[in-house]
Amino acid sequence: MKQSIGLWQFVGFGVTSMGGTLLHFLYEWTGESIFVSLFSGVNESTWEHMKLLFVPMFIYAVLESLFFKDREDFWCIKARGIILGITLIPILFYTYNGVIGTSPDWINIAIFFISAAISYIYETKAFKKEEISCKSSKAAFILICTVAILFVIFTFFTPEIGIFEDPITGKYGIENI
């Protein structure tokens, strides 16, 4: 399985890239479906863009876990990779936005793909190591599930702080509930 790790991760990057792109538009395409809002972006906030990366990475990780049962550190690696990706989005966005003071769409799109790529590169390197420090794979999985729950909660009960604010409308979270 070690030889195919790179291929699995490359496919994961593709799935995440396509899935995140689809999820960017799905909420609007479905007439603002409450069900779709659970896993799709509902506005242009940084938080919702983090969700666009998280959801396909998590779904792909669940699928991938069926084939990597022999890796006791699987969920530790995936948790680190997913957290890395969703953390890079606000770090890169607010850093460049603070420096140049504007937010061109092409840079925002690039940040999504760069964050996904770095996450999968990290995971690939971690998987190729014989063993990484992993105290509890169950705890790592619980952490990822907790993040998933937070994405859902904050879609409906959105704190009024910058990361949750839609820069276009100035509103927070889902508008039509």
N, C-alpha and C. Protein backbone atom coordinates (compact mmCIF):
# COMPACT_ATOMS: atom_id res chain seq x y z
N MET A 1 0.83 -1.20 0.00
CA MET A 1 0.00 0.00 0.00
C MET A 1 0.88 1.26 0.00
N LYS A 2 2.11 1.13 0.54
CA LYS A 2 2.99 2.29 0.64
C LYS A 2 3.28 2.90 -0.74
N GLN A 3 3.40 2.05 -1.77
CA GLN A 3 3.69 2.54 -3.11
C GLN A 3 2.53 3.36 -3.68
N SER A 4 1.32 3.06 -3.28
CA SER A 4 0.16 3.74 -3.86
C SER A 4 -0.29 4.95 -3.04
N ILE A 5 0.42 5.27 -1.99
CA ILE A 5 0.03 6.41 -1.15
C ILE A 5 0.01 7.69 -1.97
N GLY A 6 1.02 7.91 -2.77
CA GLY A 6 1.08 9.11 -3.60
C GLY A 6 -0.12 9.21 -4.53
N LEU A 7 -0.52 8.09 -5.11
CA LEU A 7 -1.68 8.08 -6.01
C LEU A 7 -2.96 8.38 -5.23
N TRP A 8 -3.13 7.76 -4.07
CA TRP A 8 -4.29 8.03 -3.23
C TRP A 8 -4.38 9.51 -2.89
N GLN A 9 -3.26 10.10 -2.54
CA GLN A 9 -3.24 11.50 -2.14
C GLN A 9 -3.49 12.42 -3.35
N PHE A 10 -2.96 12.06 -4.48
CA PHE A 10 -3.19 12.84 -5.70
C PHE A 10 -4.67 12.83 -6.06
N VAL A 11 -5.28 11.65 -5.99
CA VAL A 11 -6.72 11.54 -6.25
C VAL A 11 -7.49 12.35 -5.19
N GLY A 12 -7.05 12.29 -3.95
CA GLY A 12 -7.69 13.07 -2.89
C GLY A 12 -7.65 14.56 -3.17
N PHE A 13 -6.52 15.04 -3.66
CA PHE A 13 -6.42 16.45 -4.04
C PHE A 13 -7.43 16.78 -5.14
N GLY A 14 -7.55 15.91 -6.12
CA GLY A 14 -8.51 16.12 -7.20
C GLY A 14 -9.95 16.12 -6.69
N VAL A 15 -10.27 15.15 -5.85
CA VAL A 15 -11.62 15.05 -5.28
C VAL A 15 -11.92 16.29 -4.44
N THR A 16 -10.97 16.70 -3.63
CA THR A 16 -11.16 17.88 -2.78
C THR A 16 -11.32 19.14 -3.63
N SER A 17 -10.50 19.27 -4.66
CA SER A 17 -10.58 20.45 -5.53
C SER A 17 -11.92 20.52 -6.25
N MET A 18 -12.32 19.40 -6.85
CA MET A 18 -13.61 19.39 -7.56
C MET A 18 -14.78 19.49 -6.59
N GLY A 19 -14.69 18.76 -5.49
CA GLY A 19 -15.77 18.78 -4.50
C GLY A 19 -15.95 20.16 -3.88
N GLY A 20 -14.86 20.79 -3.51
CA GLY A 20 -14.93 22.13 -2.93
C GLY A 20 -15.49 23.16 -3.90
N THR A 21 -15.09 23.03 -5.16
CA THR A 21 -15.61 23.93 -6.19
C THR A 21 -17.11 23.74 -6.36
N LEU A 22 -17.55 22.50 -6.41
CA LEU A 22 -18.98 22.20 -6.52
C LEU A 22 -19.74 22.72 -5.31
N LEU A 23 -19.21 22.50 -4.13
CA LEU A 23 -19.88 22.94 -2.90
C LEU A 23 -19.96 24.46 -2.79
N HIS A 24 -19.08 25.16 -3.48
CA HIS A 24 -19.12 26.62 -3.47
C HIS A 24 -20.44 27.13 -4.06
N PHE A 25 -20.97 26.40 -5.03
CA PHE A 25 -22.16 26.85 -5.74
C PHE A 25 -23.42 26.07 -5.38
N LEU A 26 -23.29 24.93 -4.75
CA LEU A 26 -24.41 24.02 -4.55
C LEU A 26 -25.56 24.62 -3.75
N TYR A 27 -25.26 25.37 -2.73
CA TYR A 27 -26.31 25.97 -1.90
C TYR A 27 -27.21 26.88 -2.74
N GLU A 28 -26.58 27.71 -3.54
CA GLU A 28 -27.36 28.61 -4.42
C GLU A 28 -28.11 27.81 -5.48
N TRP A 29 -27.47 26.81 -6.07
CA TRP A 29 -28.10 26.01 -7.13
C TRP A 29 -29.34 25.26 -6.62
N THR A 30 -29.35 24.92 -5.34
CA THR A 30 -30.48 24.15 -4.80
C THR A 30 -31.55 25.06 -4.19
N GLY A 31 -31.51 26.33 -4.52
CA GLY A 31 -32.51 27.25 -3.99
C GLY A 31 -32.35 27.49 -2.50
N GLU A 32 -31.11 27.48 -2.03
CA GLU A 32 -30.77 27.69 -0.63
C GLU A 32 -31.39 26.63 0.29
N SER A 33 -31.18 25.39 -0.09
CA SER A 33 -31.67 24.25 0.68
C SER A 33 -31.00 24.20 2.06
N ILE A 34 -31.82 24.08 3.08
CA ILE A 34 -31.30 23.97 4.45
C ILE A 34 -30.43 22.72 4.58
N PHE A 35 -30.86 21.61 3.99
CA PHE A 35 -30.07 20.38 4.05
C PHE A 35 -28.69 20.59 3.42
N VAL A 36 -28.65 21.21 2.27
CA VAL A 36 -27.38 21.43 1.57
C VAL A 36 -26.48 22.37 2.36
N SER A 37 -27.07 23.29 3.11
CA SER A 37 -26.28 24.24 3.90
C SER A 37 -25.43 23.55 4.97
N LEU A 38 -25.80 22.32 5.33
CA LEU A 38 -25.04 21.59 6.34
C LEU A 38 -23.61 21.31 5.89
N PHE A 39 -23.41 21.15 4.59
CA PHE A 39 -22.08 20.78 4.10
C PHE A 39 -21.57 21.66 2.96
N SER A 40 -22.33 22.64 2.56
CA SER A 40 -21.98 23.52 1.45
C SER A 40 -21.75 24.93 1.96
N GLY A 41 -21.01 25.73 1.21
CA GLY A 41 -20.82 27.12 1.58
C GLY A 41 -22.12 27.89 1.41
N VAL A 42 -22.48 28.71 2.39
CA VAL A 42 -23.73 29.48 2.32
C VAL A 42 -23.49 30.96 2.06
N ASN A 43 -22.23 31.40 2.13
CA ASN A 43 -21.89 32.78 1.80
C ASN A 43 -20.40 32.83 1.45
N GLU A 44 -19.88 34.03 1.32
CA GLU A 44 -18.48 34.21 0.90
C GLU A 44 -17.52 34.45 2.06
N SER A 45 -17.94 34.11 3.28
CA SER A 45 -17.05 34.32 4.43
C SER A 45 -15.87 33.36 4.38
N THR A 46 -14.83 33.73 5.09
CA THR A 46 -13.64 32.87 5.20
C THR A 46 -14.02 31.53 5.81
N TRP A 47 -14.87 31.55 6.83
CA TRP A 47 -15.31 30.33 7.50
C TRP A 47 -15.96 29.36 6.52
N GLU A 48 -16.84 29.88 5.69
CA GLU A 48 -17.53 29.02 4.73
C GLU A 48 -16.57 28.48 3.67
N HIS A 49 -15.51 29.22 3.36
CA HIS A 49 -14.50 28.70 2.44
C HIS A 49 -13.67 27.60 3.10
N MET A 50 -13.50 27.70 4.40
CA MET A 50 -12.83 26.62 5.13
C MET A 50 -13.68 25.35 5.07
N LYS A 51 -15.00 25.52 5.15
CA LYS A 51 -15.92 24.38 5.06
C LYS A 51 -15.79 23.69 3.70
N LEU A 52 -15.58 24.49 2.64
CA LEU A 52 -15.45 23.94 1.29
C LEU A 52 -14.24 23.01 1.17
N LEU A 53 -13.23 23.25 1.95
CA LEU A 53 -12.06 22.37 1.97
C LEU A 53 -12.30 21.18 2.90
N PHE A 54 -12.87 21.47 4.06
CA PHE A 54 -13.06 20.44 5.07
C PHE A 54 -13.94 19.30 4.59
N VAL A 55 -15.10 19.61 4.05
CA VAL A 55 -16.09 18.57 3.72
C VAL A 55 -15.55 17.54 2.74
N PRO A 56 -15.03 17.94 1.57
CA PRO A 56 -14.52 16.88 0.68
C PRO A 56 -13.30 16.15 1.23
N MET A 57 -12.45 16.85 1.99
CA MET A 57 -11.30 16.16 2.59
C MET A 57 -11.77 15.11 3.59
N PHE A 58 -12.76 15.45 4.39
CA PHE A 58 -13.28 14.51 5.39
C PHE A 58 -13.96 13.32 4.72
N ILE A 59 -14.80 13.59 3.75
CA ILE A 59 -15.49 12.49 3.05
C ILE A 59 -14.48 11.57 2.37
N TYR A 60 -13.48 12.16 1.72
CA TYR A 60 -12.46 11.34 1.07
C TYR A 60 -11.67 10.54 2.10
N ALA A 61 -11.39 11.14 3.25
CA ALA A 61 -10.65 10.44 4.31
C ALA A 61 -11.43 9.22 4.79
N VAL A 62 -12.76 9.37 4.93
CA VAL A 62 -13.58 8.23 5.36
C VAL A 62 -13.48 7.11 4.34
N LEU A 63 -13.59 7.45 3.06
CA LEU A 63 -13.44 6.44 1.99
C LEU A 63 -12.05 5.82 2.03
N GLU A 64 -11.06 6.65 2.12
CA GLU A 64 -9.66 6.19 2.12
C GLU A 64 -9.38 5.27 3.31
N SER A 65 -10.02 5.55 4.44
CA SER A 65 -9.78 4.75 5.65
C SER A 65 -10.17 3.29 5.47
N LEU A 66 -11.10 3.03 4.57
CA LEU A 66 -11.50 1.65 4.30
C LEU A 66 -10.36 0.84 3.67
N PHE A 67 -9.44 1.54 3.00
CA PHE A 67 -8.33 0.88 2.33
C PHE A 67 -7.03 0.94 3.12
N PHE A 68 -7.00 1.74 4.19
CA PHE A 68 -5.80 1.90 4.99
C PHE A 68 -6.03 1.40 6.41
N LYS A 69 -6.74 0.30 6.54
CA LYS A 69 -7.06 -0.24 7.87
C LYS A 69 -5.82 -0.65 8.65
N ASP A 70 -4.74 -0.96 7.93
CA ASP A 70 -3.52 -1.40 8.59
C ASP A 70 -2.71 -0.25 9.19
N ARG A 71 -3.09 0.97 8.89
CA ARG A 71 -2.38 2.13 9.43
C ARG A 71 -3.04 2.61 10.71
N GLU A 72 -2.41 2.32 11.84
CA GLU A 72 -2.96 2.75 13.13
C GLU A 72 -2.92 4.27 13.28
N ASP A 73 -2.03 4.92 12.53
CA ASP A 73 -1.89 6.37 12.62
C ASP A 73 -2.71 7.11 11.56
N PHE A 74 -3.57 6.39 10.83
CA PHE A 74 -4.31 6.98 9.71
C PHE A 74 -5.05 8.26 10.13
N TRP A 75 -5.88 8.18 11.16
CA TRP A 75 -6.69 9.34 11.54
C TRP A 75 -5.86 10.45 12.15
N CYS A 76 -4.72 10.12 12.74
CA CYS A 76 -3.83 11.18 13.24
C CYS A 76 -3.27 11.98 12.08
N ILE A 77 -2.85 11.28 11.03
CA ILE A 77 -2.31 11.96 9.85
C ILE A 77 -3.41 12.78 9.18
N LYS A 78 -4.57 12.19 9.01
CA LYS A 78 -5.68 12.90 8.36
C LYS A 78 -6.12 14.11 9.17
N ALA A 79 -6.19 13.98 10.48
CA ALA A 79 -6.58 15.12 11.31
C ALA A 79 -5.58 16.26 11.15
N ARG A 80 -4.30 15.93 11.17
CA ARG A 80 -3.28 16.96 10.99
C ARG A 80 -3.38 17.61 9.62
N GLY A 81 -3.58 16.80 8.59
CA GLY A 81 -3.69 17.34 7.23
C GLY A 81 -4.91 18.24 7.05
N ILE A 82 -6.04 17.79 7.56
CA ILE A 82 -7.27 18.58 7.43
C ILE A 82 -7.17 19.87 8.22
N ILE A 83 -6.68 19.79 9.45
CA ILE A 83 -6.54 21.00 10.27
C ILE A 83 -5.53 21.96 9.61
N LEU A 84 -4.46 21.42 9.06
CA LEU A 84 -3.49 22.25 8.34
C LEU A 84 -4.19 23.00 7.20
N GLY A 85 -4.96 22.30 6.40
CA GLY A 85 -5.62 22.92 5.25
C GLY A 85 -6.60 24.01 5.65
N ILE A 86 -7.46 23.71 6.62
CA ILE A 86 -8.46 24.70 7.00
C ILE A 86 -7.84 25.87 7.77
N THR A 87 -6.68 25.65 8.35
CA THR A 87 -5.98 26.74 9.03
C THR A 87 -5.24 27.63 8.04
N LEU A 88 -4.73 27.04 6.98
CA LEU A 88 -4.00 27.82 5.97
C LEU A 88 -4.91 28.83 5.27
N ILE A 89 -6.18 28.48 5.07
CA ILE A 89 -7.08 29.39 4.35
C ILE A 89 -7.14 30.76 5.03
N PRO A 90 -7.50 30.86 6.32
CA PRO A 90 -7.52 32.21 6.91
C PRO A 90 -6.14 32.83 7.05
N ILE A 91 -5.13 32.02 7.31
CA ILE A 91 -3.77 32.58 7.45
C ILE A 91 -3.35 33.24 6.14
N LEU A 92 -3.49 32.53 5.04
CA LEU A 92 -3.09 33.09 3.74
C LEU A 92 -3.99 34.25 3.33
N PHE A 93 -5.30 34.10 3.53
CA PHE A 93 -6.23 35.14 3.13
C PHE A 93 -5.98 36.44 3.89
N TYR A 94 -5.92 36.37 5.21
CA TYR A 94 -5.76 37.59 5.99
C TYR A 94 -4.35 38.18 5.85
N THR A 95 -3.36 37.33 5.61
CA THR A 95 -2.01 37.84 5.40
C THR A 95 -1.93 38.65 4.11
N TYR A 96 -2.35 38.07 2.99
CA TYR A 96 -2.24 38.81 1.73
C TYR A 96 -3.20 39.99 1.72
N ASN A 97 -4.38 39.83 2.30
CA ASN A 97 -5.35 40.92 2.32
C ASN A 97 -4.83 42.08 3.18
N GLY A 98 -4.15 41.75 4.26
CA GLY A 98 -3.57 42.79 5.10
C GLY A 98 -2.42 43.51 4.42
N VAL A 99 -1.68 42.81 3.59
CA VAL A 99 -0.54 43.41 2.89
C VAL A 99 -0.99 44.25 1.71
N ILE A 100 -1.88 43.70 0.86
CA ILE A 100 -2.25 44.45 -0.34
C ILE A 100 -3.58 45.18 -0.20
N GLY A 101 -4.35 44.85 0.83
CA GLY A 101 -5.57 45.58 1.13
C GLY A 101 -6.75 45.33 0.21
N THR A 102 -6.66 44.32 -0.61
CA THR A 102 -7.76 44.01 -1.52
C THR A 102 -7.87 42.49 -1.65
N SER A 103 -8.97 42.05 -2.22
CA SER A 103 -9.24 40.62 -2.25
C SER A 103 -9.68 40.16 -3.65
N PRO A 104 -8.76 40.09 -4.61
CA PRO A 104 -9.15 39.63 -5.95
C PRO A 104 -9.59 38.16 -5.91
N ASP A 105 -10.62 37.84 -6.66
CA ASP A 105 -11.16 36.47 -6.66
C ASP A 105 -10.11 35.43 -7.04
N TRP A 106 -9.25 35.74 -8.00
CA TRP A 106 -8.29 34.73 -8.44
C TRP A 106 -7.33 34.34 -7.32
N ILE A 107 -7.01 35.29 -6.44
CA ILE A 107 -6.14 34.94 -5.30
C ILE A 107 -6.90 34.09 -4.30
N ASN A 108 -8.17 34.43 -4.06
CA ASN A 108 -8.98 33.63 -3.13
C ASN A 108 -9.11 32.19 -3.63
N ILE A 109 -9.32 32.03 -4.91
CA ILE A 109 -9.41 30.69 -5.51
C ILE A 109 -8.08 29.96 -5.36
N ALA A 110 -6.99 30.68 -5.64
CA ALA A 110 -5.66 30.06 -5.53
C ALA A 110 -5.38 29.61 -4.10
N ILE A 111 -5.83 30.40 -3.11
CA ILE A 111 -5.62 30.03 -1.71
C ILE A 111 -6.28 28.69 -1.40
N PHE A 112 -7.47 28.47 -1.92
CA PHE A 112 -8.16 27.19 -1.70
C PHE A 112 -7.31 26.04 -2.24
N PHE A 113 -6.85 26.15 -3.48
CA PHE A 113 -6.08 25.07 -4.10
C PHE A 113 -4.71 24.90 -3.46
N ILE A 114 -4.07 25.99 -3.08
CA ILE A 114 -2.78 25.91 -2.40
C ILE A 114 -2.94 25.22 -1.04
N SER A 115 -3.98 25.58 -0.31
CA SER A 115 -4.22 24.96 1.00
C SER A 115 -4.46 23.46 0.86
N ALA A 116 -5.26 23.08 -0.13
CA ALA A 116 -5.51 21.65 -0.38
C ALA A 116 -4.22 20.94 -0.76
N ALA A 117 -3.45 21.54 -1.65
CA ALA A 117 -2.20 20.91 -2.10
C ALA A 117 -1.23 20.72 -0.94
N ILE A 118 -1.05 21.74 -0.13
CA ILE A 118 -0.12 21.63 1.00
C ILE A 118 -0.60 20.55 1.97
N SER A 119 -1.90 20.48 2.19
CA SER A 119 -2.44 19.45 3.10
C SER A 119 -2.13 18.05 2.60
N TYR A 120 -2.39 17.81 1.33
CA TYR A 120 -2.15 16.48 0.78
C TYR A 120 -0.66 16.17 0.67
N ILE A 121 0.17 17.16 0.41
CA ILE A 121 1.62 16.93 0.40
C ILE A 121 2.09 16.55 1.80
N TYR A 122 1.60 17.28 2.81
CA TYR A 122 1.95 16.94 4.19
C TYR A 122 1.54 15.50 4.51
N GLU A 123 0.28 15.16 4.18
CA GLU A 123 -0.21 13.82 4.48
C GLU A 123 0.62 12.75 3.76
N THR A 124 0.96 13.00 2.50
CA THR A 124 1.76 12.04 1.74
C THR A 124 3.09 11.78 2.43
N LYS A 125 3.76 12.85 2.83
CA LYS A 125 5.04 12.69 3.52
C LYS A 125 4.87 11.95 4.85
N ALA A 126 3.79 12.27 5.58
CA ALA A 126 3.55 11.61 6.86
C ALA A 126 3.25 10.12 6.66
N PHE A 127 2.47 9.79 5.63
CA PHE A 127 2.16 8.38 5.36
C PHE A 127 3.40 7.60 4.96
N LYS A 128 4.35 8.25 4.29
CA LYS A 128 5.55 7.54 3.82
C LYS A 128 6.55 7.29 4.94
N LYS A 129 6.41 8.03 6.04
CA LYS A 129 7.25 7.73 7.20
C LYS A 129 6.78 6.42 7.79
N GLU A 130 7.67 5.70 8.37
CA GLU A 130 7.29 4.41 8.95
C GLU A 130 6.27 4.57 10.06
N GLU A 131 6.47 5.56 10.90
CA GLU A 131 5.53 5.78 11.99
C GLU A 131 5.64 7.22 12.44
N ILE A 132 4.49 7.83 12.69
CA ILE A 132 4.50 9.18 13.24
C ILE A 132 3.97 9.10 14.67
N SER A 133 4.22 10.12 15.41
CA SER A 133 3.73 10.17 16.79
C SER A 133 2.21 10.30 16.77
N CYS A 134 1.55 9.28 17.30
CA CYS A 134 0.09 9.26 17.30
C CYS A 134 -0.36 8.65 18.62
N LYS A 135 -0.81 9.48 19.50
CA LYS A 135 -1.22 8.98 20.82
C LYS A 135 -2.56 8.25 20.75
N SER A 136 -3.50 8.79 19.94
CA SER A 136 -4.81 8.17 19.87
C SER A 136 -5.49 8.50 18.55
N SER A 137 -5.59 7.49 17.71
CA SER A 137 -6.27 7.67 16.44
C SER A 137 -7.76 7.97 16.66
N LYS A 138 -8.33 7.38 17.70
CA LYS A 138 -9.74 7.66 18.02
C LYS A 138 -9.93 9.12 18.39
N ALA A 139 -9.01 9.66 19.18
CA ALA A 139 -9.10 11.08 19.56
C ALA A 139 -8.97 11.98 18.33
N ALA A 140 -8.11 11.59 17.39
CA ALA A 140 -7.96 12.36 16.16
C ALA A 140 -9.25 12.35 15.35
N PHE A 141 -9.88 11.18 15.27
CA PHE A 141 -11.16 11.08 14.55
C PHE A 141 -12.24 11.91 15.25
N ILE A 142 -12.27 11.86 16.56
CA ILE A 142 -13.24 12.66 17.33
C ILE A 142 -13.00 14.15 17.09
N LEU A 143 -11.74 14.55 17.01
CA LEU A 143 -11.41 15.95 16.72
C LEU A 143 -11.99 16.37 15.37
N ILE A 144 -11.80 15.54 14.36
CA ILE A 144 -12.33 15.86 13.03
C ILE A 144 -13.85 15.94 13.07
N CYS A 145 -14.49 15.01 13.75
CA CYS A 145 -15.95 15.03 13.86
C CYS A 145 -16.42 16.27 14.61
N THR A 146 -15.67 16.69 15.61
CA THR A 146 -16.01 17.92 16.35
C THR A 146 -15.94 19.13 15.43
N VAL A 147 -14.92 19.18 14.60
CA VAL A 147 -14.81 20.28 13.63
C VAL A 147 -16.01 20.26 12.68
N ALA A 148 -16.41 19.07 12.23
CA ALA A 148 -17.57 18.94 11.35
C ALA A 148 -18.82 19.51 12.03
N ILE A 149 -19.00 19.18 13.29
CA ILE A 149 -20.16 19.68 14.04
C ILE A 149 -20.10 21.20 14.17
N LEU A 150 -18.92 21.74 14.39
CA LEU A 150 -18.77 23.20 14.49
C LEU A 150 -19.13 23.89 13.18
N PHE A 151 -18.76 23.28 12.06
CA PHE A 151 -19.14 23.86 10.77
C PHE A 151 -20.66 23.94 10.64
N VAL A 152 -21.34 22.92 11.09
CA VAL A 152 -22.81 22.92 11.02
C VAL A 152 -23.39 23.95 12.00
N ILE A 153 -22.95 23.92 13.23
CA ILE A 153 -23.47 24.85 14.24
C ILE A 153 -23.28 26.29 13.82
N PHE A 154 -22.06 26.62 13.37
CA PHE A 154 -21.77 28.01 13.03
C PHE A 154 -22.41 28.46 11.72
N THR A 155 -22.97 27.53 10.97
CA THR A 155 -23.75 27.93 9.80
C THR A 155 -25.06 28.56 10.26
N PHE A 156 -25.63 28.05 11.33
CA PHE A 156 -26.93 28.51 11.82
C PHE A 156 -26.83 29.49 12.98
N PHE A 157 -25.84 29.31 13.83
CA PHE A 157 -25.64 30.17 15.01
C PHE A 157 -24.25 30.78 14.87
N THR A 158 -24.18 31.83 14.08
CA THR A 158 -22.90 32.37 13.65
C THR A 158 -22.43 33.50 14.55
N PRO A 159 -21.25 33.37 15.14
CA PRO A 159 -20.69 34.49 15.92
C PRO A 159 -20.44 35.69 15.00
N GLU A 160 -20.69 36.85 15.49
CA GLU A 160 -20.49 38.05 14.67
C GLU A 160 -19.07 38.57 14.83
N ILE A 161 -18.13 37.78 14.28
CA ILE A 161 -16.72 38.18 14.22
C ILE A 161 -16.27 38.03 12.78
N GLY A 162 -15.18 38.67 12.46
CA GLY A 162 -14.72 38.82 11.08
C GLY A 162 -14.65 37.57 10.23
N ILE A 163 -14.18 36.48 10.77
CA ILE A 163 -13.99 35.26 9.97
C ILE A 163 -15.32 34.72 9.44
N PHE A 164 -16.42 35.07 10.11
CA PHE A 164 -17.75 34.59 9.73
C PHE A 164 -18.52 35.58 8.86
N GLU A 165 -17.98 36.77 8.68
CA GLU A 165 -18.69 37.82 7.95
C GLU A 165 -18.53 37.65 6.44
N ASP A 166 -19.66 37.71 5.74
CA ASP A 166 -19.65 37.70 4.28
C ASP A 166 -19.18 39.08 3.83
N PRO A 167 -18.03 39.16 3.13
CA PRO A 167 -17.50 40.47 2.75
C PRO A 167 -18.37 41.19 1.71
N ILE A 168 -19.24 40.47 1.05
CA ILE A 168 -20.10 41.08 0.03
C ILE A 168 -21.36 41.68 0.67
N THR A 169 -22.03 40.90 1.54
CA THR A 169 -23.29 41.36 2.13
C THR A 169 -23.12 41.95 3.53
N GLY A 170 -22.00 41.64 4.18
CA GLY A 170 -21.79 42.09 5.56
C GLY A 170 -22.59 41.28 6.57
N LYS A 171 -23.22 40.20 6.12
CA LYS A 171 -24.05 39.38 7.01
C LYS A 171 -23.25 38.16 7.48
N TYR A 172 -23.86 37.44 8.42
CA TYR A 172 -23.21 36.29 9.05
C TYR A 172 -24.06 35.04 8.87
N GLY A 173 -23.41 33.94 8.51
CA GLY A 173 -24.09 32.65 8.44
C GLY A 173 -25.20 32.60 7.41
N ILE A 174 -26.11 31.71 7.67
CA ILE A 174 -27.23 31.48 6.76
C ILE A 174 -28.27 32.58 7.00
N GLU A 175 -28.80 33.11 5.94
CA GLU A 175 -29.70 34.25 6.06
C GLU A 175 -31.17 33.85 6.14
N ASN A 176 -31.54 32.77 5.52
CA ASN A 176 -32.96 32.45 5.37
C ASN A 176 -33.38 31.23 6.17
N ILE A 177 -33.41 31.35 7.50
CA ILE A 177 -33.94 30.25 8.30
C ILE A 177 -35.07 30.74 9.17
